[in-house]
Amino acid sequence: MNFSPSNKNWARVALALRIVLGMIFVYAAYLKLHESWRLFAMSIDSYQIVHSVFLETWIAKTLPWLELALGLWLIAGFWLRGSATITALLLSGFFGLMIWAHFKGLEIDCGCFGPGEKISWITMLRDGSLLAGALALAAWSYFGNRRARHSQPGEVAV
């Protein structure tokens, strides 16, 4: 792949990825913040990996706010290298947990967009696609975008 800064097609793809991923993160955050944090905490608990009620509660109360911030940062192009990398890491974790739960035989809600969405091949395909997009955006922010490469937190990179 040619991540060259002069490659206008990659710049357009990166812009589309930024906006789409940002909108999805804002939407997911909205759905979780719109409902009681306790519903999201139940989704977290169903994965059976967090064994502390305090930690489970903390994740349920803070993760939607992180998703909202990342979504807005991606849409705005704010601190692109950092926001794209954090998004890719977060989606890697989400995707890994979904695969782990699926192979463990857990028939649970994924918790991606609030309660009521069971883990299935469709949710794994969706989250895998989001992860691929986030990884491509992160790679572009490191190797293809001169403004993102030289930007500091607080600067907007297009």
Protein backbone atom coordinates (compact mmCIF):
# COMPACT_ATOMS: atom_id res chain seq x y z
CA MET A 1 0.00 0.00 0.00
CA ASN A 2 1.17 3.46 -0.81
CA PHE A 3 0.61 5.58 2.31
CA SER A 4 2.36 8.47 0.58
CA PRO A 5 1.10 11.90 1.68
CA SER A 6 0.72 12.75 -1.98
CA ASN A 7 -1.72 9.88 -2.49
CA LYS A 8 -5.02 11.78 -2.53
CA ASN A 9 -7.07 8.57 -2.65
CA TRP A 10 -5.66 7.46 0.72
CA ALA A 11 -6.41 10.89 2.15
CA ARG A 12 -10.03 10.54 1.03
CA VAL A 13 -10.29 7.01 2.44
CA ALA A 14 -8.77 8.20 5.72
CA LEU A 15 -11.26 11.07 5.91
CA ALA A 16 -14.17 8.67 5.29
CA LEU A 17 -12.82 6.23 7.90
CA ARG A 18 -12.41 9.04 10.42
CA ILE A 19 -15.96 10.24 9.96
CA VAL A 20 -17.59 6.79 9.86
CA LEU A 21 -15.68 5.47 12.88
CA GLY A 22 -16.31 8.72 14.74
CA MET A 23 -20.05 8.61 14.06
CA ILE A 24 -20.26 4.96 15.12
CA PHE A 25 -18.42 5.69 18.36
CA VAL A 26 -20.65 8.71 19.10
CA TYR A 27 -23.76 6.61 18.39
CA ALA A 28 -22.57 3.72 20.58
CA ALA A 29 -21.76 6.15 23.39
CA TYR A 30 -25.15 7.84 23.05
CA LEU A 31 -27.01 4.54 23.32
CA LYS A 32 -25.06 3.55 26.44
CA LEU A 33 -25.40 6.96 28.08
CA HIS A 34 -29.10 7.12 27.24
CA GLU A 35 -29.75 3.95 29.26
CA SER A 36 -28.84 3.29 32.86
CA TRP A 37 -25.16 2.45 33.35
CA ARG A 38 -26.39 -0.66 35.19
CA LEU A 39 -27.54 -2.22 31.91
CA PHE A 40 -24.08 -1.79 30.42
CA ALA A 41 -22.56 -3.13 33.66
CA MET A 42 -24.66 -6.29 33.21
CA SER A 43 -23.26 -6.70 29.68
CA ILE A 44 -19.73 -6.31 31.06
CA ASP A 45 -20.47 -8.83 33.82
CA SER A 46 -21.76 -11.40 31.32
CA TYR A 47 -18.25 -11.71 29.82
CA GLN A 48 -17.13 -13.18 33.17
CA ILE A 49 -13.68 -11.55 33.15
CA VAL A 50 -14.10 -8.61 35.55
CA HIS A 51 -14.42 -9.99 39.05
CA SER A 52 -14.67 -6.68 40.89
CA VAL A 53 -18.00 -4.87 41.20
CA PHE A 54 -16.11 -1.59 41.66
CA LEU A 55 -14.13 -2.10 38.43
CA GLU A 56 -17.21 -3.23 36.53
CA THR A 57 -19.10 -0.14 37.68
CA TRP A 58 -16.17 2.12 36.82
CA ILE A 59 -15.92 0.66 33.29
CA ALA A 60 -19.69 0.95 32.75
CA LYS A 61 -19.66 4.59 33.82
CA THR A 62 -16.49 5.73 32.01
CA LEU A 63 -16.22 3.70 28.79
CA PRO A 64 -19.17 5.43 27.08
CA TRP A 65 -17.56 8.82 27.80
CA LEU A 66 -14.27 7.62 26.32
CA GLU A 67 -16.15 6.37 23.24
CA LEU A 68 -17.87 9.75 22.92
CA ALA A 69 -14.57 11.65 23.20
CA LEU A 70 -12.85 9.37 20.67
CA GLY A 71 -15.77 9.69 18.27
CA LEU A 72 -15.75 13.48 18.44
CA TRP A 73 -11.95 13.61 18.13
CA LEU A 74 -12.05 11.37 15.05
CA ILE A 75 -14.77 13.44 13.40
CA ALA A 76 -12.89 16.67 14.12
CA GLY A 77 -9.48 15.23 13.22
CA PHE A 78 -8.23 16.24 16.66
CA TRP A 79 -4.95 14.56 17.71
CA LEU A 80 -5.45 12.09 14.88
CA ARG A 81 -2.48 9.84 15.55
CA GLY A 82 -3.45 9.34 19.20
CA SER A 83 -7.20 9.08 18.68
CA ALA A 84 -6.81 6.61 15.78
CA THR A 85 -4.38 4.49 17.79
CA ILE A 86 -6.58 4.44 20.91
CA THR A 87 -9.59 3.59 18.74
CA ALA A 88 -7.72 0.68 17.13
CA LEU A 89 -6.57 -0.60 20.53
CA LEU A 90 -10.07 -0.31 21.99
CA LEU A 91 -11.62 -2.12 19.02
CA SER A 92 -8.92 -4.81 19.27
CA GLY A 93 -9.96 -5.39 22.86
CA PHE A 94 -13.67 -5.44 22.00
CA PHE A 95 -13.14 -7.81 19.08
CA GLY A 96 -10.89 -10.09 21.11
CA LEU A 97 -13.47 -10.29 23.90
CA MET A 98 -16.24 -11.11 21.44
CA ILE A 99 -14.20 -13.92 19.84
CA TRP A 100 -13.22 -15.24 23.29
CA ALA A 101 -16.87 -15.23 24.46
CA HIS A 102 -18.01 -16.93 21.25
CA PHE A 103 -15.44 -19.73 21.54
CA LYS A 104 -16.19 -20.12 25.23
CA GLY A 105 -19.81 -20.75 24.24
CA LEU A 106 -21.26 -17.72 26.02
CA GLU A 107 -24.56 -16.62 24.52
CA ILE A 108 -24.44 -13.04 25.70
CA ASP A 109 -25.09 -9.49 24.54
CA CYS A 110 -22.00 -7.94 23.03
CA GLY A 111 -22.69 -4.61 24.77
CA CYS A 112 -21.55 -2.73 21.66
CA PHE A 113 -24.66 -0.63 21.18
CA GLY A 114 -26.41 -1.14 24.48
CA PRO A 115 -28.39 -4.17 25.58
CA GLY A 116 -30.16 -6.66 23.35
CA GLU A 117 -27.59 -7.50 20.68
CA LYS A 118 -26.33 -11.06 20.98
CA ILE A 119 -22.83 -11.98 19.83
CA SER A 120 -23.12 -13.61 16.41
CA TRP A 121 -21.17 -13.90 13.21
CA ILE A 122 -22.78 -10.60 12.14
CA THR A 123 -21.54 -8.69 15.20
CA MET A 124 -18.09 -10.25 14.81
CA LEU A 125 -18.00 -9.33 11.10
CA ARG A 126 -19.09 -5.78 11.92
CA ASP A 127 -16.56 -5.33 14.72
CA GLY A 128 -13.82 -6.99 12.67
CA SER A 129 -14.52 -4.56 9.83
CA LEU A 130 -14.44 -1.61 12.24
CA LEU A 131 -11.14 -2.90 13.60
CA ALA A 132 -9.68 -3.20 10.09
CA GLY A 133 -10.76 0.36 9.34
CA ALA A 134 -9.30 1.67 12.60
CA LEU A 135 -6.00 -0.13 11.96
CA ALA A 136 -5.83 1.34 8.44
CA LEU A 137 -6.56 4.82 9.81
CA ALA A 138 -3.92 4.44 12.52
CA ALA A 139 -1.37 3.23 9.96
CA TRP A 140 -2.18 6.17 7.69
CA SER A 141 -1.84 8.60 10.60
CA TYR A 142 1.68 7.28 11.26
CA PHE A 143 2.95 6.71 7.74
CA GLY A 144 0.87 8.73 5.32
CA ASN A 145 -0.21 11.97 6.92
CA ARG A 146 2.53 14.54 7.46
CA ARG A 147 0.25 16.84 9.48
CA ALA A 148 -0.75 14.02 11.87
CA ARG A 149 2.87 12.90 12.14
CA HIS A 150 3.99 16.31 13.34
CA SER A 151 0.89 17.30 15.29
CA GLN A 152 0.74 17.49 19.06
CA PRO A 153 -2.29 16.79 21.24
CA GLY A 154 -4.59 19.74 20.77
CA GLU A 155 -3.89 20.21 17.07
CA VAL A 156 -6.28 19.28 14.29
CA ALA A 157 -4.93 17.10 11.48
CA VAL A 158 -6.90 16.70 8.27
